[in-house]
Amino acid sequence: MGLNEDGLQGLAPAALRALEAAEIVFGGPRHLALACAGERGRPWPVPFDVAPVLACRGRPTVVLASGDPFWFGAGGSLAAHLAPQEWRCHAQPSTFSLLAARLGWKLEETDCLGLHAAPLQQLLPRLSPGRQLLVLLRDGAAVASLAGWLEREGWGESHLQVMESVGGPRERRRAWRAAEAAAALAADPAHAPVAVALQAQGGAALPRVPGRPDHWYANDGQITKAPARALTLAALAPRQGECLWDIGGGSGSVAVEWCLAGGMAISLEQHAARADNIRRNAERFGLHGPHARLRVVQGVAPAALDALQALAQPQAVFVGGGFDAVLFEHLRALMPEGCRLVVNAVTLETQALLVQLHASHGGSLLRLELSSAEPLGRMRSWKAARPLVQWSWQR
């Protein structure tokens, strides 16, 4: 049941009847107070767990959430464990809808994020000058953290409207530049429920397509360079929700860009320092956290492939280094039907193997020769990178 800051007076008659008939009412302390739940109230466990609700099967039970329970709420988590006839949803306008109605923003042109328990860095790929975002946050301290993060990332000129208790009698709205917000909030903190309307200004936007500039990534020089990375992602053909095995991760740049395209990835890297770089890059782009979309396994293929298999089955595999015939046989045994394999090779020995595999198994074989203009005395000349051979194959 959606319950906004206007409390019981905002509920439809059917929702009120369901609430009155409930033996047990679950919710956060604020929602339980708004609903006047009294002795029927049960606060959510910390950390969040749906098990106490599921234990009430067969008894009339209400679960309270803000606005629309299926938009960054508990609705989806509960419905996944229940049969369709076991539950009913009484939704209200979402917090995003209420915010847009206050601001006069078109929701279809606005990014909406719930970052109660998710990394602030998830904003990074979405920021561009003039872009509008609505962000739900855990509490007032998270608002100050957001403002500080924006300033560190070069978006200190962004316009923030901090909106508290929207839709209720305690509603308050204040506005600052991101660079000013932390000091203002230290003097007069924001209080939950709180959201931020963000109009991005001043920073360097992350490109939306693969082949992002190398300087975005922590690396020790072991990185698939931007032009080759763009061609590699095109060959891998990421699709929403798919899993990539990134073998010989290096900096993890291919895995990061796969995730930014909507997938999830497991990066296998044998060197501890490079594995740390991959973790730093995952954090930079908001791909870490409790529900990490990019996970790192330290180890050597093929011995470590069982660890990857235990985490998730792949829909695509990328090998950026250390490929040989033994690894191919192991991968072929583990890859499900339809799984895509892309291998990049710069050594003559590995390139020769890819030529043989292409002859025996088919697929696509490309030789990539890239040169960049660099100074030569007072003039310029082409500096060639090592030729790269790329084999793409589908199981």
Protein backbone atom coordinates (compact mmCIF):
# COMPACT_ATOMS: atom_id res chain seq x y z
CA MET A 1 0.00 0.00 0.00
CA GLY A 2 1.35 3.38 -0.99
CA LEU A 3 1.25 5.92 1.81
CA ASN A 4 2.46 9.46 1.20
CA GLU A 5 3.13 12.30 3.61
CA ASP A 6 -0.54 13.31 3.74
CA GLY A 7 -1.21 10.08 5.66
CA LEU A 8 -4.63 8.46 5.90
CA GLN A 9 -6.43 11.33 4.17
CA GLY A 10 -4.60 10.54 0.95
CA LEU A 11 -5.80 6.92 0.82
CA ALA A 12 -8.65 5.79 -1.42
CA PRO A 13 -11.64 4.11 0.26
CA ALA A 14 -10.56 0.62 -0.84
CA ALA A 15 -7.11 1.17 0.67
CA LEU A 16 -8.62 2.44 3.91
CA ARG A 17 -10.83 -0.66 4.18
CA ALA A 18 -7.83 -2.93 3.61
CA LEU A 19 -5.84 -1.10 6.27
CA GLU A 20 -8.70 -1.30 8.79
CA ALA A 21 -9.07 -5.05 8.16
CA ALA A 22 -5.37 -5.84 8.59
CA GLU A 23 -4.20 -7.85 11.58
CA ILE A 24 -0.57 -6.86 10.97
CA VAL A 25 0.91 -3.71 9.40
CA PHE A 26 4.55 -3.61 8.27
CA GLY A 27 6.45 -0.43 7.49
CA GLY A 28 9.12 1.99 8.55
CA PRO A 29 8.55 3.95 11.77
CA ARG A 30 7.41 7.02 9.81
CA HIS A 31 4.84 5.07 7.79
CA LEU A 32 3.55 3.23 10.85
CA ALA A 33 2.99 6.56 12.59
CA LEU A 34 1.24 8.06 9.54
CA ALA A 35 -1.04 5.01 9.34
CA CYS A 36 -1.80 5.08 13.09
CA ALA A 37 -0.94 1.36 13.11
CA GLY A 38 -0.62 1.14 16.90
CA GLU A 39 -0.09 -2.36 18.30
CA ARG A 40 -0.60 -3.90 14.86
CA GLY A 41 2.58 -2.20 13.59
CA ARG A 42 5.70 -4.19 12.79
CA PRO A 43 8.85 -2.23 11.81
CA TRP A 44 10.99 -3.56 8.98
CA PRO A 45 14.01 -5.54 10.16
CA VAL A 46 17.44 -4.02 9.65
CA PRO A 47 18.95 -5.10 7.31
CA PHE A 48 15.84 -5.26 5.14
CA ASP A 49 14.29 -8.73 4.86
CA VAL A 50 10.92 -9.84 3.46
CA ALA A 51 10.85 -13.05 5.55
CA PRO A 52 8.73 -11.58 8.40
CA VAL A 53 6.04 -10.58 5.89
CA LEU A 54 6.08 -13.96 4.17
CA ALA A 55 5.66 -15.61 7.58
CA CYS A 56 2.23 -13.93 7.79
CA ARG A 57 0.78 -15.82 4.81
CA GLY A 58 -2.89 -16.52 5.29
CA ARG A 59 -3.48 -13.54 7.58
CA PRO A 60 -4.68 -10.08 6.42
CA THR A 61 -1.44 -8.10 6.30
CA VAL A 62 -0.60 -4.64 4.98
CA VAL A 63 2.87 -3.52 3.87
CA LEU A 64 3.33 0.25 3.75
CA ALA A 65 5.62 1.96 1.22
CA SER A 66 5.96 5.46 -0.19
CA GLY A 67 3.83 6.28 -3.23
CA ASP A 68 4.09 3.52 -5.81
CA PRO A 69 5.42 0.34 -4.11
CA PHE A 70 6.68 -0.96 -7.45
CA TRP A 71 8.96 1.99 -8.21
CA PHE A 72 12.03 1.67 -5.96
CA GLY A 73 9.76 0.18 -3.28
CA ALA A 74 9.20 -3.17 -1.60
CA GLY A 75 6.49 -4.30 -4.03
CA GLY A 76 8.71 -6.19 -6.45
CA SER A 77 10.70 -7.87 -3.67
CA LEU A 78 7.50 -9.25 -2.12
CA ALA A 79 5.63 -10.13 -5.32
CA ALA A 80 8.56 -12.31 -6.43
CA HIS A 81 7.77 -14.67 -3.52
CA LEU A 82 3.96 -14.65 -3.77
CA ALA A 83 1.35 -16.09 -6.10
CA PRO A 84 -0.73 -13.49 -8.00
CA GLN A 85 -3.86 -14.24 -5.95
CA GLU A 86 -2.01 -13.70 -2.66
CA TRP A 87 -1.50 -9.96 -2.95
CA ARG A 88 -3.07 -6.72 -4.09
CA CYS A 89 -1.47 -3.31 -4.53
CA HIS A 90 -3.05 0.03 -3.58
CA ALA A 91 -0.67 2.50 -5.21
CA GLN A 92 -0.54 6.27 -4.91
CA PRO A 93 1.32 8.86 -6.98
CA SER A 94 5.02 8.08 -6.73
CA THR A 95 7.41 10.51 -5.07
CA PHE A 96 8.78 11.18 -8.56
CA SER A 97 5.31 12.19 -9.78
CA LEU A 98 4.84 14.49 -6.80
CA LEU A 99 8.25 16.08 -7.35
CA ALA A 100 7.63 16.62 -11.05
CA ALA A 101 4.27 18.19 -10.26
CA ARG A 102 5.97 20.67 -7.92
CA LEU A 103 8.76 21.49 -10.37
CA GLY A 104 6.85 21.48 -13.64
CA TRP A 105 9.27 18.90 -15.09
CA LYS A 106 8.29 16.38 -17.76
CA LEU A 107 8.88 12.94 -16.23
CA GLU A 108 9.56 11.38 -19.63
CA GLU A 109 12.51 13.78 -20.02
CA THR A 110 13.83 13.28 -16.47
CA ASP A 111 16.10 10.57 -15.05
CA CYS A 112 14.57 9.09 -11.87
CA LEU A 113 16.79 7.17 -9.43
CA GLY A 114 16.31 5.63 -6.01
CA LEU A 115 19.68 5.77 -4.25
CA HIS A 116 18.58 4.86 -0.71
CA ALA A 117 21.06 1.98 -0.61
CA ALA A 118 22.84 2.37 -3.97
CA PRO A 119 26.13 4.16 -4.74
CA LEU A 120 25.96 7.84 -5.62
CA GLN A 121 28.40 7.06 -8.46
CA GLN A 122 25.51 5.57 -10.43
CA LEU A 123 24.76 9.18 -11.37
CA LEU A 124 28.05 9.59 -13.26
CA PRO A 125 26.96 8.10 -16.63
CA ARG A 126 23.73 10.14 -16.49
CA LEU A 127 25.23 13.58 -15.93
CA SER A 128 25.42 16.01 -18.82
CA PRO A 129 24.99 19.81 -18.93
CA GLY A 130 21.32 20.73 -18.65
CA ARG A 131 20.19 17.20 -17.74
CA GLN A 132 17.40 16.95 -15.14
CA LEU A 133 17.42 14.19 -12.51
CA LEU A 134 15.20 13.31 -9.56
CA VAL A 135 17.06 11.39 -6.87
CA LEU A 136 15.57 9.74 -3.79
CA LEU A 137 18.02 9.58 -0.88
CA ARG A 138 18.22 7.84 2.47
CA ASP A 139 18.48 10.90 4.74
CA GLY A 140 19.86 14.41 5.11
CA ALA A 141 23.45 13.19 5.46
CA ALA A 142 23.13 11.53 2.03
CA VAL A 143 22.12 14.89 0.54
CA ALA A 144 25.35 16.47 1.83
CA SER A 145 27.31 13.48 0.49
CA LEU A 146 25.69 13.93 -2.92
CA ALA A 147 26.59 17.63 -3.00
CA GLY A 148 30.20 16.89 -2.04
CA TRP A 149 30.50 14.13 -4.64
CA LEU A 150 29.15 16.39 -7.38
CA GLU A 151 31.71 19.07 -6.49
CA ARG A 152 34.60 16.58 -6.51
CA GLU A 153 33.53 15.28 -9.91
CA GLY A 154 33.49 18.79 -11.39
CA TRP A 155 29.72 19.36 -11.22
CA GLY A 156 29.79 21.93 -8.42
CA GLU A 157 27.81 24.45 -10.50
CA SER A 158 24.84 22.08 -10.68
CA HIS A 159 21.58 23.42 -9.29
CA LEU A 160 20.10 21.39 -6.41
CA GLN A 161 16.61 21.65 -5.01
CA VAL A 162 16.39 19.72 -1.76
CA MET A 163 12.79 18.64 -1.17
CA GLU A 164 11.62 17.23 2.15
CA SER A 165 8.33 15.53 3.09
CA VAL A 166 6.78 16.28 -0.30
CA GLY A 167 3.00 16.02 -0.30
CA GLY A 168 2.55 16.54 3.44
CA PRO A 169 2.16 19.37 5.94
CA ARG A 170 5.95 19.44 6.66
CA GLU A 171 6.90 19.93 2.99
CA ARG A 172 9.97 22.13 2.51
CA ARG A 173 12.03 23.06 -0.55
CA ARG A 174 15.44 24.77 -0.59
CA ALA A 175 17.82 25.47 -3.48
CA TRP A 176 21.59 25.89 -3.78
CA ARG A 177 24.47 25.24 -6.14
CA ALA A 178 26.06 21.90 -5.30
CA ALA A 179 29.23 23.70 -4.18
CA GLU A 180 27.20 25.63 -1.58
CA ALA A 181 24.91 22.89 -0.37
CA ALA A 182 27.17 21.03 2.07
CA ALA A 183 27.81 24.15 4.19
CA ALA A 184 24.14 25.13 4.15
CA LEU A 185 23.04 21.63 5.15
CA ALA A 186 25.57 21.55 7.99
CA ALA A 187 23.84 24.59 9.48
CA ASP A 188 20.29 23.36 8.77
CA PRO A 189 20.18 19.63 7.91
CA ALA A 190 17.58 18.05 5.68
CA HIS A 191 15.28 15.42 7.17
CA ALA A 192 13.85 12.24 5.68
CA PRO A 193 11.91 11.62 3.55
CA VAL A 194 14.13 13.66 1.26
CA ALA A 195 14.76 13.90 -2.47
CA VAL A 196 16.93 16.08 -4.67
CA ALA A 197 15.99 17.66 -7.97
CA LEU A 198 19.26 18.06 -9.86
CA GLN A 199 19.95 20.21 -12.90
CA ALA A 200 23.47 19.28 -13.98
CA GLN A 201 25.87 22.07 -14.92
CA GLY A 202 29.57 22.60 -15.43
CA GLY A 203 31.14 19.15 -15.56
CA ALA A 204 32.59 16.85 -18.21
CA ALA A 205 29.96 14.38 -19.34
CA LEU A 206 30.85 10.74 -19.80
CA PRO A 207 30.29 9.69 -23.44
CA ARG A 208 27.32 7.37 -23.91
CA VAL A 209 28.91 5.00 -26.43
CA PRO A 210 31.71 2.41 -25.96
CA GLY A 211 35.31 3.46 -26.52
CA ARG A 212 35.32 6.07 -23.77
CA PRO A 213 38.65 7.91 -23.32
CA ASP A 214 41.30 5.93 -21.45
CA HIS A 215 41.76 8.64 -18.80
CA TRP A 216 38.45 7.68 -17.20
CA TYR A 217 40.00 4.41 -16.01
CA ALA A 218 42.57 3.62 -13.32
CA ASN A 219 45.19 1.50 -15.08
CA ASP A 220 48.87 0.62 -15.17
CA GLY A 221 49.03 0.73 -18.97
CA GLN A 222 47.37 -2.68 -19.31
CA ILE A 223 44.15 -1.46 -20.88
CA THR A 224 42.27 -2.16 -24.09
CA LYS A 225 42.72 1.22 -25.76
CA ALA A 226 39.62 3.22 -26.61
CA PRO A 227 39.41 2.52 -30.40
CA ALA A 228 40.01 -1.22 -29.93
CA ARG A 229 37.58 -1.23 -26.99
CA ALA A 230 34.83 0.25 -29.16
CA LEU A 231 35.37 -2.48 -31.76
CA THR A 232 35.51 -5.12 -29.03
CA LEU A 233 32.20 -4.02 -27.50
CA ALA A 234 30.64 -3.99 -30.96
CA ALA A 235 31.76 -7.60 -31.43
CA LEU A 236 30.55 -8.62 -27.96
CA ALA A 237 27.15 -7.03 -28.73
CA PRO A 238 25.95 -6.41 -25.14
CA ARG A 239 22.26 -6.76 -24.41
CA GLN A 240 20.25 -5.71 -21.37
CA GLY A 241 20.73 -8.02 -18.39
CA GLU A 242 23.34 -10.31 -19.97
CA CYS A 243 26.45 -11.52 -18.13
CA LEU A 244 30.01 -11.14 -19.47
CA TRP A 245 33.05 -13.13 -18.38
CA ASP A 246 36.02 -10.76 -18.79
CA ILE A 247 39.12 -12.99 -18.69
CA GLY A 248 42.43 -11.22 -18.18
CA GLY A 249 40.62 -8.07 -17.05
CA GLY A 250 43.61 -5.69 -16.88
CA SER A 251 41.88 -2.42 -15.96
CA GLY A 252 38.38 -3.82 -16.42
CA SER A 253 37.53 -1.18 -19.04
CA VAL A 254 35.72 -3.68 -21.31
CA ALA A 255 33.73 -5.04 -18.36
CA VAL A 256 32.83 -1.50 -17.22
CA GLU A 257 31.54 -0.52 -20.64
CA TRP A 258 29.60 -3.79 -20.92
CA CYS A 259 27.90 -2.93 -17.61
CA LEU A 260 27.21 0.64 -18.70
CA ALA A 261 25.42 -0.86 -21.71
CA GLY A 262 23.00 -2.59 -19.32
CA GLY A 263 24.67 -5.88 -18.46
CA MET A 264 26.60 -7.39 -15.58
CA ALA A 265 30.15 -8.73 -15.62
CA ILE A 266 32.66 -10.89 -13.77
CA SER A 267 36.27 -9.86 -14.36
CA LEU A 268 39.03 -12.43 -13.83
CA GLU A 269 42.49 -10.98 -13.19
CA GLN A 270 45.56 -12.75 -11.80
CA HIS A 271 47.53 -9.71 -10.59
CA ALA A 272 46.45 -8.19 -7.27
CA ALA A 273 47.28 -4.59 -8.24
CA ARG A 274 45.26 -4.85 -11.46
CA ALA A 275 42.36 -6.50 -9.63
CA ASP A 276 42.41 -3.47 -7.31
CA ASN A 277 42.30 -1.17 -10.35
CA ILE A 278 39.22 -3.02 -11.61
CA ARG A 279 37.56 -2.57 -8.23
CA ARG A 280 38.40 1.15 -8.28
CA ASN A 281 36.91 1.48 -11.74
CA ALA A 282 33.79 -0.41 -10.66
CA GLU A 283 33.42 2.05 -7.77
CA ARG A 284 34.06 5.07 -10.00
CA PHE A 285 31.11 4.14 -12.21
CA GLY A 286 28.76 2.98 -9.43
CA LEU A 287 28.98 -0.70 -10.37
CA HIS A 288 29.92 -1.84 -6.85
CA GLY A 289 27.81 -2.14 -3.70
CA PRO A 290 25.44 -4.77 -2.27
CA HIS A 291 24.07 -5.65 -5.70
CA ALA A 292 27.30 -5.17 -7.65
CA ARG A 293 27.00 -5.36 -11.41
CA LEU A 294 30.78 -5.80 -11.80
CA ARG A 295 32.46 -8.42 -9.63
CA VAL A 296 36.17 -9.22 -9.54
CA VAL A 297 37.73 -12.66 -9.12
CA GLN A 298 41.48 -12.86 -8.62
CA GLY A 299 42.91 -15.96 -10.26
CA VAL A 300 44.28 -17.56 -13.41
CA ALA A 301 42.32 -19.19 -16.22
CA PRO A 302 41.46 -21.94 -16.81
CA ALA A 303 41.86 -23.00 -13.16
CA ALA A 304 39.66 -20.15 -11.92
CA LEU A 305 36.83 -20.67 -14.40
CA ASP A 306 34.90 -22.81 -11.90
CA ALA A 307 34.73 -19.77 -9.60
CA LEU A 308 33.17 -17.74 -12.41
CA GLN A 309 30.73 -20.54 -13.21
CA ALA A 310 29.64 -20.62 -9.57
CA LEU A 311 28.73 -16.91 -9.73
CA ALA A 312 26.87 -16.72 -13.05
CA GLN A 313 26.60 -18.36 -16.45
CA PRO A 314 27.84 -16.11 -19.28
CA GLN A 315 26.06 -14.92 -22.38
CA ALA A 316 29.39 -13.55 -23.68
CA VAL A 317 33.09 -14.11 -22.94
CA PHE A 318 35.97 -11.74 -23.68
CA VAL A 319 39.60 -12.81 -23.50
CA GLY A 320 42.02 -9.90 -23.65
CA GLY A 321 45.19 -11.81 -22.85
CA GLY A 322 46.55 -15.25 -22.00
CA PHE A 323 44.48 -17.12 -24.59
CA ASP A 324 45.61 -20.55 -25.77
CA ALA A 325 44.12 -23.81 -27.08
CA VAL A 326 43.70 -25.27 -23.59
CA LEU A 327 41.72 -22.24 -22.43
CA PHE A 328 39.55 -22.43 -25.53
CA GLU A 329 38.63 -26.06 -24.84
CA HIS A 330 37.72 -25.23 -21.26
CA LEU A 331 35.60 -22.28 -22.37
CA ARG A 332 33.87 -24.29 -25.07
CA ALA A 333 32.87 -26.87 -22.46
CA LEU A 334 31.46 -24.21 -20.12
CA MET A 335 29.84 -21.79 -22.58
CA PRO A 336 26.09 -22.35 -23.02
CA GLU A 337 24.48 -22.60 -26.43
CA GLY A 338 24.38 -19.17 -28.08
CA CYS A 339 27.17 -17.73 -25.93
CA ARG A 340 29.48 -15.32 -27.78
CA LEU A 341 33.28 -15.42 -27.54
CA VAL A 342 35.59 -12.54 -28.54
CA VAL A 343 39.37 -12.89 -28.32
CA ASN A 344 41.91 -10.11 -28.93
CA ALA A 345 45.51 -11.09 -29.70
CA VAL A 346 48.68 -9.06 -30.32
CA THR A 347 51.34 -11.83 -30.20
CA LEU A 348 52.15 -13.77 -33.35
CA GLU A 349 51.65 -17.09 -31.57
CA THR A 350 48.14 -16.25 -30.35
CA GLN A 351 47.25 -14.67 -33.69
CA ALA A 352 48.30 -17.87 -35.45
CA LEU A 353 46.06 -19.87 -33.11
CA LEU A 354 43.11 -17.59 -33.90
CA VAL A 355 43.69 -18.16 -37.62
CA GLN A 356 43.54 -21.93 -37.00
CA LEU A 357 40.43 -21.70 -34.85
CA HIS A 358 38.70 -19.54 -37.43
CA ALA A 359 39.50 -22.15 -40.10
CA SER A 360 38.14 -25.02 -38.00
CA HIS A 361 35.24 -23.37 -36.15
CA GLY A 362 34.22 -20.39 -38.29
CA GLY A 363 33.17 -17.07 -36.83
CA SER A 364 34.63 -13.70 -37.78
CA LEU A 365 38.34 -12.87 -37.99
CA LEU A 366 39.54 -9.25 -38.15
CA ARG A 367 42.99 -7.70 -38.29
CA LEU A 368 42.99 -4.20 -36.85
CA GLU A 369 45.82 -1.77 -37.59
CA LEU A 370 45.52 1.61 -35.90
CA SER A 371 47.84 4.60 -36.09
CA SER A 372 47.68 7.93 -34.31
CA ALA A 373 49.27 11.24 -35.25
CA GLU A 374 52.17 12.23 -32.96
CA PRO A 375 54.89 14.89 -33.06
CA LEU A 376 58.03 14.11 -35.06
CA GLY A 377 60.47 16.97 -34.56
CA ARG A 378 58.71 20.12 -35.74
CA MET A 379 56.25 18.07 -37.81
CA ARG A 380 53.91 15.16 -37.22
CA SER A 381 53.87 11.55 -38.28
CA TRP A 382 51.82 8.39 -37.82
CA LYS A 383 52.71 6.12 -34.90
CA ALA A 384 51.35 2.63 -35.41
CA ALA A 385 50.01 0.51 -32.58
CA ARG A 386 50.71 -3.22 -32.58
CA PRO A 387 48.38 -4.98 -35.04
CA LEU A 388 45.46 -6.62 -33.26
CA VAL A 389 43.73 -9.77 -34.46
CA GLN A 390 40.20 -10.31 -33.19
CA TRP A 391 38.30 -13.57 -33.45
CA SER A 392 34.54 -13.60 -32.74
CA TRP A 393 32.68 -16.89 -32.47
CA GLN A 394 29.30 -18.07 -31.19
CA ARG A 395 28.85 -21.40 -29.42
